[in-house]
Amino acid sequence: MELTLPLISFLFVCLIFPKIVRNRPQFYIAFGLLILILLFNILAQIFSTTAFARFLLILNQILLLMTFILLVLCVGGLSLHELTGEVFRSFEVMRRGDTEKTVIIPLTGQKPRQKEEAESPPPRENIESPPNPPDNSSSIPLDESRE
């Protein structure tokens, strides 16, 4: 399967919608690699029967792989180190299963609550009951006549 056409198409999508590109230098390197790929394709067609053409085609495939990775990185806003860390962490989770609990760290600088605090219900305030009304069963207070 030829990967050049989808990569060039995605490059044009990034040019139309520039907000999806989060890392411009990686995008421009990918653009330059795509130009090299197109030039190597032309040279490989010129020298189609020689060993040099095979070398150009192999180099072309390596550059396609690098371009694909760079376009993923520039849209995701990641560095190569961050991407490899994410990939290795996901392989580790697939290999042994997700056994670690997720720790949620508050954004406002608050300290995380301790386990005892999280499990115990919040303290209740003592609400005093209103005083008992006088025992006057002869009439309802609203029914009294006004003078």
N, C-alpha and C. Protein backbone atom coordinates (compact mmCIF):
# COMPACT_ATOMS: atom_id res chain seq x y z
N MET A 1 0.84 -1.18 0.00
CA MET A 1 0.00 0.00 0.00
C MET A 1 0.89 1.24 0.00
N GLU A 2 0.59 2.13 -0.86
CA GLU A 2 1.36 3.36 -0.97
C GLU A 2 0.87 4.36 0.08
N LEU A 3 1.79 4.86 0.88
CA LEU A 3 1.44 5.75 1.98
C LEU A 3 1.63 7.21 1.62
N THR A 4 2.19 7.48 0.48
CA THR A 4 2.49 8.86 0.11
C THR A 4 1.22 9.69 -0.05
N LEU A 5 0.22 9.17 -0.73
CA LEU A 5 -1.00 9.94 -0.98
C LEU A 5 -1.74 10.31 0.31
N PRO A 6 -1.94 9.38 1.27
CA PRO A 6 -2.60 9.81 2.51
C PRO A 6 -1.78 10.83 3.31
N LEU A 7 -0.45 10.70 3.28
CA LEU A 7 0.37 11.67 4.02
C LEU A 7 0.29 13.06 3.39
N ILE A 8 0.31 13.11 2.07
CA ILE A 8 0.18 14.41 1.39
C ILE A 8 -1.21 14.98 1.63
N SER A 9 -2.22 14.13 1.61
CA SER A 9 -3.59 14.60 1.88
C SER A 9 -3.70 15.16 3.29
N PHE A 10 -3.11 14.47 4.25
CA PHE A 10 -3.15 14.96 5.62
C PHE A 10 -2.38 16.26 5.76
N LEU A 11 -1.28 16.39 5.02
CA LEU A 11 -0.53 17.64 5.03
C LEU A 11 -1.40 18.80 4.54
N PHE A 12 -2.18 18.56 3.49
CA PHE A 12 -3.07 19.61 3.00
C PHE A 12 -4.19 19.92 4.00
N VAL A 13 -4.67 18.91 4.71
CA VAL A 13 -5.67 19.15 5.75
C VAL A 13 -5.08 20.03 6.84
N CYS A 14 -3.82 19.78 7.19
CA CYS A 14 -3.15 20.62 8.20
C CYS A 14 -2.96 22.04 7.70
N LEU A 15 -2.76 22.21 6.40
CA LEU A 15 -2.62 23.56 5.85
C LEU A 15 -3.96 24.29 5.84
N ILE A 16 -5.05 23.55 5.60
CA ILE A 16 -6.38 24.16 5.58
C ILE A 16 -6.83 24.50 7.00
N PHE A 17 -6.58 23.60 7.94
CA PHE A 17 -6.95 23.81 9.35
C PHE A 17 -5.68 23.88 10.19
N PRO A 18 -5.01 25.03 10.23
CA PRO A 18 -3.72 25.11 10.92
C PRO A 18 -3.82 24.96 12.44
N LYS A 19 -5.00 25.05 13.00
CA LYS A 19 -5.13 24.92 14.47
C LYS A 19 -4.87 23.51 14.95
N ILE A 20 -4.96 22.51 14.06
CA ILE A 20 -4.71 21.13 14.50
C ILE A 20 -3.23 20.84 14.63
N VAL A 21 -2.37 21.69 14.07
CA VAL A 21 -0.92 21.50 14.18
C VAL A 21 -0.46 22.16 15.47
N ARG A 22 0.07 21.37 16.37
CA ARG A 22 0.50 21.90 17.66
C ARG A 22 2.00 22.14 17.72
N ASN A 23 2.76 21.51 16.84
CA ASN A 23 4.20 21.68 16.85
C ASN A 23 4.65 21.97 15.42
N ARG A 24 4.87 23.24 15.13
CA ARG A 24 5.18 23.68 13.76
C ARG A 24 6.51 23.13 13.23
N PRO A 25 7.61 23.11 14.01
CA PRO A 25 8.86 22.58 13.44
C PRO A 25 8.73 21.14 12.95
N GLN A 26 8.04 20.30 13.70
CA GLN A 26 7.83 18.92 13.26
C GLN A 26 7.01 18.87 11.98
N PHE A 27 6.04 19.76 11.85
CA PHE A 27 5.22 19.82 10.65
C PHE A 27 6.08 20.18 9.44
N TYR A 28 6.96 21.17 9.59
CA TYR A 28 7.79 21.60 8.46
C TYR A 28 8.83 20.55 8.10
N ILE A 29 9.34 19.81 9.07
CA ILE A 29 10.25 18.71 8.77
C ILE A 29 9.52 17.63 7.99
N ALA A 30 8.28 17.31 8.40
CA ALA A 30 7.48 16.32 7.67
C ALA A 30 7.22 16.80 6.24
N PHE A 31 6.97 18.08 6.06
CA PHE A 31 6.77 18.65 4.72
C PHE A 31 8.03 18.47 3.87
N GLY A 32 9.19 18.76 4.46
CA GLY A 32 10.45 18.57 3.73
C GLY A 32 10.71 17.12 3.38
N LEU A 33 10.39 16.21 4.30
CA LEU A 33 10.56 14.78 4.02
C LEU A 33 9.64 14.32 2.90
N LEU A 34 8.42 14.86 2.85
CA LEU A 34 7.52 14.49 1.75
C LEU A 34 8.06 14.97 0.41
N ILE A 35 8.70 16.13 0.39
CA ILE A 35 9.31 16.60 -0.86
C ILE A 35 10.46 15.67 -1.26
N LEU A 36 11.28 15.26 -0.29
CA LEU A 36 12.36 14.30 -0.59
C LEU A 36 11.80 12.98 -1.11
N ILE A 37 10.71 12.52 -0.53
CA ILE A 37 10.09 11.27 -0.97
C ILE A 37 9.67 11.38 -2.43
N LEU A 38 9.05 12.50 -2.78
CA LEU A 38 8.64 12.69 -4.17
C LEU A 38 9.84 12.75 -5.11
N LEU A 39 10.92 13.40 -4.69
CA LEU A 39 12.13 13.44 -5.52
C LEU A 39 12.75 12.05 -5.67
N PHE A 40 12.78 11.28 -4.59
CA PHE A 40 13.33 9.93 -4.67
C PHE A 40 12.47 9.03 -5.56
N ASN A 41 11.16 9.25 -5.55
CA ASN A 41 10.30 8.49 -6.47
C ASN A 41 10.66 8.78 -7.92
N ILE A 42 10.91 10.04 -8.22
CA ILE A 42 11.29 10.43 -9.59
C ILE A 42 12.62 9.77 -9.97
N LEU A 43 13.60 9.84 -9.05
CA LEU A 43 14.89 9.23 -9.33
C LEU A 43 14.79 7.72 -9.47
N ALA A 44 13.97 7.09 -8.67
CA ALA A 44 13.79 5.63 -8.75
C ALA A 44 13.16 5.23 -10.08
N GLN A 45 12.28 6.06 -10.61
CA GLN A 45 11.69 5.76 -11.91
C GLN A 45 12.70 5.98 -13.04
N ILE A 46 13.59 6.94 -12.87
CA ILE A 46 14.61 7.17 -13.89
C ILE A 46 15.58 5.99 -13.94
N PHE A 47 16.05 5.54 -12.78
CA PHE A 47 16.98 4.41 -12.70
C PHE A 47 16.24 3.13 -12.34
N SER A 48 15.19 2.81 -13.04
CA SER A 48 14.28 1.73 -12.63
C SER A 48 14.90 0.34 -12.67
N THR A 49 15.94 0.11 -13.45
CA THR A 49 16.47 -1.25 -13.57
C THR A 49 17.76 -1.46 -12.80
N THR A 50 18.21 -0.50 -12.07
CA THR A 50 19.50 -0.65 -11.39
C THR A 50 19.31 -0.91 -9.90
N ALA A 51 20.42 -1.24 -9.25
CA ALA A 51 20.41 -1.46 -7.80
C ALA A 51 20.21 -0.13 -7.07
N PHE A 52 20.60 0.95 -7.72
CA PHE A 52 20.40 2.28 -7.13
C PHE A 52 18.91 2.57 -6.95
N ALA A 53 18.08 2.10 -7.86
CA ALA A 53 16.63 2.30 -7.75
C ALA A 53 16.08 1.55 -6.54
N ARG A 54 16.60 0.35 -6.32
CA ARG A 54 16.16 -0.39 -5.12
C ARG A 54 16.56 0.34 -3.85
N PHE A 55 17.78 0.86 -3.84
CA PHE A 55 18.24 1.63 -2.68
C PHE A 55 17.33 2.84 -2.46
N LEU A 56 16.97 3.54 -3.53
CA LEU A 56 16.09 4.70 -3.41
C LEU A 56 14.71 4.31 -2.90
N LEU A 57 14.20 3.16 -3.33
CA LEU A 57 12.89 2.71 -2.86
C LEU A 57 12.91 2.34 -1.38
N ILE A 58 14.00 1.73 -0.94
CA ILE A 58 14.13 1.40 0.49
C ILE A 58 14.25 2.68 1.31
N LEU A 59 15.06 3.62 0.83
CA LEU A 59 15.20 4.90 1.50
C LEU A 59 13.86 5.64 1.53
N ASN A 60 13.12 5.49 0.45
CA ASN A 60 11.79 6.10 0.34
C ASN A 60 10.85 5.57 1.43
N GLN A 61 10.87 4.27 1.66
CA GLN A 61 10.00 3.67 2.68
C GLN A 61 10.40 4.11 4.08
N ILE A 62 11.69 4.24 4.33
CA ILE A 62 12.15 4.72 5.63
C ILE A 62 11.69 6.16 5.85
N LEU A 63 11.80 6.98 4.81
CA LEU A 63 11.35 8.37 4.92
C LEU A 63 9.84 8.46 5.11
N LEU A 64 9.09 7.55 4.49
CA LEU A 64 7.64 7.53 4.69
C LEU A 64 7.30 7.24 6.15
N LEU A 65 8.01 6.29 6.73
CA LEU A 65 7.79 5.97 8.14
C LEU A 65 8.11 7.16 9.04
N MET A 66 9.23 7.82 8.76
CA MET A 66 9.61 8.99 9.56
C MET A 66 8.59 10.12 9.40
N THR A 67 8.09 10.31 8.18
CA THR A 67 7.10 11.36 7.94
C THR A 67 5.81 11.07 8.68
N PHE A 68 5.38 9.81 8.66
CA PHE A 68 4.16 9.43 9.37
C PHE A 68 4.30 9.71 10.86
N ILE A 69 5.43 9.32 11.43
CA ILE A 69 5.65 9.56 12.86
C ILE A 69 5.69 11.05 13.16
N LEU A 70 6.35 11.83 12.32
CA LEU A 70 6.42 13.28 12.54
C LEU A 70 5.04 13.94 12.46
N LEU A 71 4.21 13.50 11.53
CA LEU A 71 2.87 14.09 11.44
C LEU A 71 2.03 13.74 12.65
N VAL A 72 2.18 12.52 13.16
CA VAL A 72 1.47 12.15 14.39
C VAL A 72 1.95 13.02 15.55
N LEU A 73 3.25 13.22 15.63
CA LEU A 73 3.81 14.02 16.72
C LEU A 73 3.39 15.48 16.62
N CYS A 74 3.38 16.04 15.41
CA CYS A 74 3.08 17.48 15.31
C CYS A 74 1.61 17.75 15.58
N VAL A 75 0.73 16.81 15.29
CA VAL A 75 -0.69 17.02 15.58
C VAL A 75 -0.98 16.73 17.05
N GLY A 76 -0.30 15.75 17.61
CA GLY A 76 -0.52 15.41 19.02
C GLY A 76 0.18 16.34 19.98
N GLY A 77 1.13 17.14 19.50
CA GLY A 77 1.86 18.04 20.38
C GLY A 77 2.83 17.30 21.29
N LEU A 78 3.34 16.17 20.83
CA LEU A 78 4.25 15.36 21.64
C LEU A 78 5.67 15.45 21.10
N SER A 79 6.62 15.12 21.96
CA SER A 79 7.98 14.92 21.50
C SER A 79 8.16 13.43 21.28
N LEU A 80 9.25 13.06 20.63
CA LEU A 80 9.50 11.64 20.37
C LEU A 80 9.68 10.88 21.67
N HIS A 81 10.31 11.52 22.66
CA HIS A 81 10.52 10.89 23.97
C HIS A 81 9.17 10.62 24.66
N GLU A 82 8.26 11.59 24.61
CA GLU A 82 6.94 11.41 25.23
C GLU A 82 6.15 10.30 24.54
N LEU A 83 6.24 10.25 23.21
CA LEU A 83 5.52 9.21 22.47
C LEU A 83 6.05 7.82 22.80
N THR A 84 7.37 7.67 22.84
CA THR A 84 7.92 6.35 23.16
C THR A 84 7.57 5.95 24.59
N GLY A 85 7.56 6.92 25.52
CA GLY A 85 7.16 6.61 26.89
C GLY A 85 5.72 6.12 26.97
N GLU A 86 4.82 6.79 26.23
CA GLU A 86 3.41 6.38 26.20
C GLU A 86 3.26 4.98 25.60
N VAL A 87 4.00 4.71 24.51
CA VAL A 87 3.90 3.41 23.85
C VAL A 87 4.39 2.31 24.77
N PHE A 88 5.54 2.53 25.43
CA PHE A 88 6.07 1.50 26.32
C PHE A 88 5.18 1.29 27.54
N ARG A 89 4.57 2.37 28.06
CA ARG A 89 3.64 2.21 29.18
C ARG A 89 2.41 1.39 28.75
N SER A 90 1.93 1.65 27.55
CA SER A 90 0.75 0.89 27.10
C SER A 90 1.10 -0.57 26.86
N PHE A 91 2.31 -0.87 26.36
CA PHE A 91 2.73 -2.27 26.21
C PHE A 91 2.83 -2.94 27.58
N GLU A 92 3.34 -2.21 28.56
CA GLU A 92 3.47 -2.76 29.91
C GLU A 92 2.10 -3.07 30.51
N VAL A 93 1.13 -2.18 30.28
CA VAL A 93 -0.22 -2.40 30.79
C VAL A 93 -0.86 -3.60 30.09
N MET A 94 -0.64 -3.72 28.79
CA MET A 94 -1.20 -4.87 28.06
C MET A 94 -0.54 -6.17 28.51
N ARG A 95 0.73 -6.12 28.85
CA ARG A 95 1.46 -7.32 29.23
C ARG A 95 1.05 -7.83 30.60
N ARG A 96 0.96 -6.95 31.58
CA ARG A 96 0.69 -7.40 32.95
C ARG A 96 -0.68 -7.01 33.46
N GLY A 97 -1.40 -6.20 32.73
CA GLY A 97 -2.71 -5.75 33.20
C GLY A 97 -2.57 -4.50 34.04
N ASP A 98 -3.63 -3.78 34.15
CA ASP A 98 -3.60 -2.52 34.89
C ASP A 98 -3.89 -2.83 36.35
N THR A 99 -2.83 -2.91 37.17
CA THR A 99 -3.01 -3.25 38.58
C THR A 99 -2.83 -2.05 39.49
N GLU A 100 -2.33 -0.94 38.96
CA GLU A 100 -2.11 0.23 39.79
C GLU A 100 -3.36 1.07 39.87
N LYS A 101 -3.61 1.63 41.04
CA LYS A 101 -4.74 2.53 41.20
C LYS A 101 -4.39 3.88 40.62
N THR A 102 -5.37 4.52 40.03
CA THR A 102 -5.17 5.84 39.49
C THR A 102 -5.17 6.85 40.63
N VAL A 103 -4.15 7.70 40.67
CA VAL A 103 -4.04 8.72 41.69
C VAL A 103 -4.46 10.04 41.06
N ILE A 104 -5.43 10.70 41.68
CA ILE A 104 -5.90 11.97 41.17
C ILE A 104 -5.26 13.07 41.99
N ILE A 105 -4.56 13.96 41.32
CA ILE A 105 -3.89 15.07 41.99
C ILE A 105 -4.68 16.33 41.71
N PRO A 106 -5.08 17.06 42.75
CA PRO A 106 -5.85 18.28 42.53
C PRO A 106 -5.03 19.34 41.80
N LEU A 107 -5.70 20.14 40.98
CA LEU A 107 -5.02 21.17 40.21
C LEU A 107 -4.76 22.43 41.01
N THR A 108 -5.50 22.66 42.08
CA THR A 108 -5.41 23.93 42.79
C THR A 108 -4.32 23.93 43.85
N GLY A 109 -3.51 22.89 43.94
CA GLY A 109 -2.46 22.85 44.93
C GLY A 109 -2.91 22.29 46.26
N GLN A 110 -4.14 21.80 46.34
CA GLN A 110 -4.61 21.20 47.57
C GLN A 110 -3.92 19.86 47.76
N LYS A 111 -3.77 19.49 49.01
CA LYS A 111 -3.20 18.19 49.28
C LYS A 111 -4.30 17.14 49.13
N PRO A 112 -3.97 15.97 48.57
CA PRO A 112 -4.98 14.94 48.46
C PRO A 112 -5.45 14.47 49.83
N ARG A 113 -6.74 14.15 49.92
CA ARG A 113 -7.28 13.69 51.20
C ARG A 113 -6.73 12.32 51.53
N GLN A 114 -6.55 12.09 52.81
CA GLN A 114 -6.11 10.78 53.26
C GLN A 114 -7.25 9.79 53.15
N LYS A 115 -6.93 8.52 53.17
CA LYS A 115 -7.94 7.49 53.00
C LYS A 115 -8.97 7.53 54.12
N GLU A 116 -8.53 7.80 55.37
CA GLU A 116 -9.46 7.84 56.49
C GLU A 116 -10.44 9.00 56.31
N GLU A 117 -9.92 10.13 55.83
CA GLU A 117 -10.78 11.29 55.64
C GLU A 117 -11.79 11.04 54.53
N ALA A 118 -11.36 10.34 53.49
CA ALA A 118 -12.24 10.12 52.34
C ALA A 118 -13.37 9.17 52.69
N GLU A 119 -13.11 8.19 53.59
CA GLU A 119 -14.13 7.20 53.90
C GLU A 119 -15.10 7.66 54.98
N SER A 120 -14.65 8.51 55.91
CA SER A 120 -15.53 8.93 57.00
C SER A 120 -16.49 10.01 56.51
N PRO A 121 -17.74 9.97 56.97
CA PRO A 121 -18.69 10.99 56.55
C PRO A 121 -18.32 12.33 57.19
N PRO A 122 -18.71 13.43 56.56
CA PRO A 122 -18.39 14.73 57.14
C PRO A 122 -19.12 14.91 58.48
N PRO A 123 -18.52 15.67 59.41
CA PRO A 123 -19.16 15.85 60.71
C PRO A 123 -20.47 16.62 60.56
N ARG A 124 -21.46 16.20 61.36
CA ARG A 124 -22.78 16.84 61.31
C ARG A 124 -22.84 17.93 62.37
N GLU A 125 -23.47 19.01 62.02
CA GLU A 125 -23.64 20.10 62.98
C GLU A 125 -24.84 19.80 63.86
N ASN A 126 -24.74 20.19 65.13
CA ASN A 126 -25.88 20.01 66.04
C ASN A 126 -26.88 21.11 65.78
N ILE A 127 -28.04 20.71 65.34
CA ILE A 127 -29.10 21.68 65.09
C ILE A 127 -30.09 21.57 66.23
N GLU A 128 -30.28 22.69 66.93
CA GLU A 128 -31.19 22.67 68.06
C GLU A 128 -32.62 22.70 67.56
N SER A 129 -33.45 21.92 68.22
CA SER A 129 -34.86 21.91 67.83
C SER A 129 -35.53 23.15 68.41
N PRO A 130 -36.54 23.68 67.73
CA PRO A 130 -37.21 24.87 68.24
C PRO A 130 -37.91 24.56 69.56
N PRO A 131 -38.05 25.55 70.42
CA PRO A 131 -38.71 25.29 71.71
C PRO A 131 -40.16 24.87 71.48
N ASN A 132 -40.63 24.02 72.38
CA ASN A 132 -42.02 23.54 72.27
C ASN A 132 -42.99 24.69 72.51
N PRO A 133 -44.04 24.79 71.71
CA PRO A 133 -45.03 25.85 71.92
C PRO A 133 -45.83 25.58 73.20
N PRO A 134 -46.39 26.62 73.81
CA PRO A 134 -47.17 26.41 75.03
C PRO A 134 -48.39 25.55 74.72
N ASP A 135 -48.74 24.75 75.68
CA ASP A 135 -49.88 23.84 75.51
C ASP A 135 -51.16 24.62 75.69
N ASN A 136 -51.63 25.19 74.65
CA ASN A 136 -52.85 25.98 74.67
C ASN A 136 -53.76 25.41 73.59
N SER A 137 -54.52 24.39 73.93
CA SER A 137 -55.32 23.69 72.95
C SER A 137 -56.67 24.34 72.70
N SER A 138 -56.96 25.47 73.30
CA SER A 138 -58.27 26.10 73.14
C SER A 138 -58.44 26.71 71.77
N SER A 139 -57.39 27.24 71.19
CA SER A 139 -57.57 27.86 69.88
C SER A 139 -56.28 27.79 69.10
N ILE A 140 -56.42 27.94 67.81
CA ILE A 140 -55.27 27.99 66.94
C ILE A 140 -54.78 29.42 66.94
N PRO A 141 -53.50 29.70 67.00
CA PRO A 141 -53.03 31.07 67.12
C PRO A 141 -53.50 31.96 65.98
N LEU A 142 -53.73 31.44 64.80
CA LEU A 142 -54.17 32.29 63.70
C LEU A 142 -55.65 32.59 63.77
N ASP A 143 -56.40 31.81 64.50
CA ASP A 143 -57.82 32.02 64.58
C ASP A 143 -58.21 33.05 65.65
N GLU A 144 -57.27 33.52 66.40
CA GLU A 144 -57.60 34.46 67.46
C GLU A 144 -58.10 35.77 66.84
N SER A 145 -59.01 36.36 67.53
CA SER A 145 -59.55 37.62 67.03
C SER A 145 -58.58 38.74 67.29
N ARG A 146 -58.58 39.69 66.38
CA ARG A 146 -57.69 40.84 66.52
C ARG A 146 -58.48 42.00 67.04
N GLU A 147 -57.93 42.68 67.95
CA GLU A 147 -58.66 43.83 68.51
C GLU A 147 -58.01 45.11 68.16
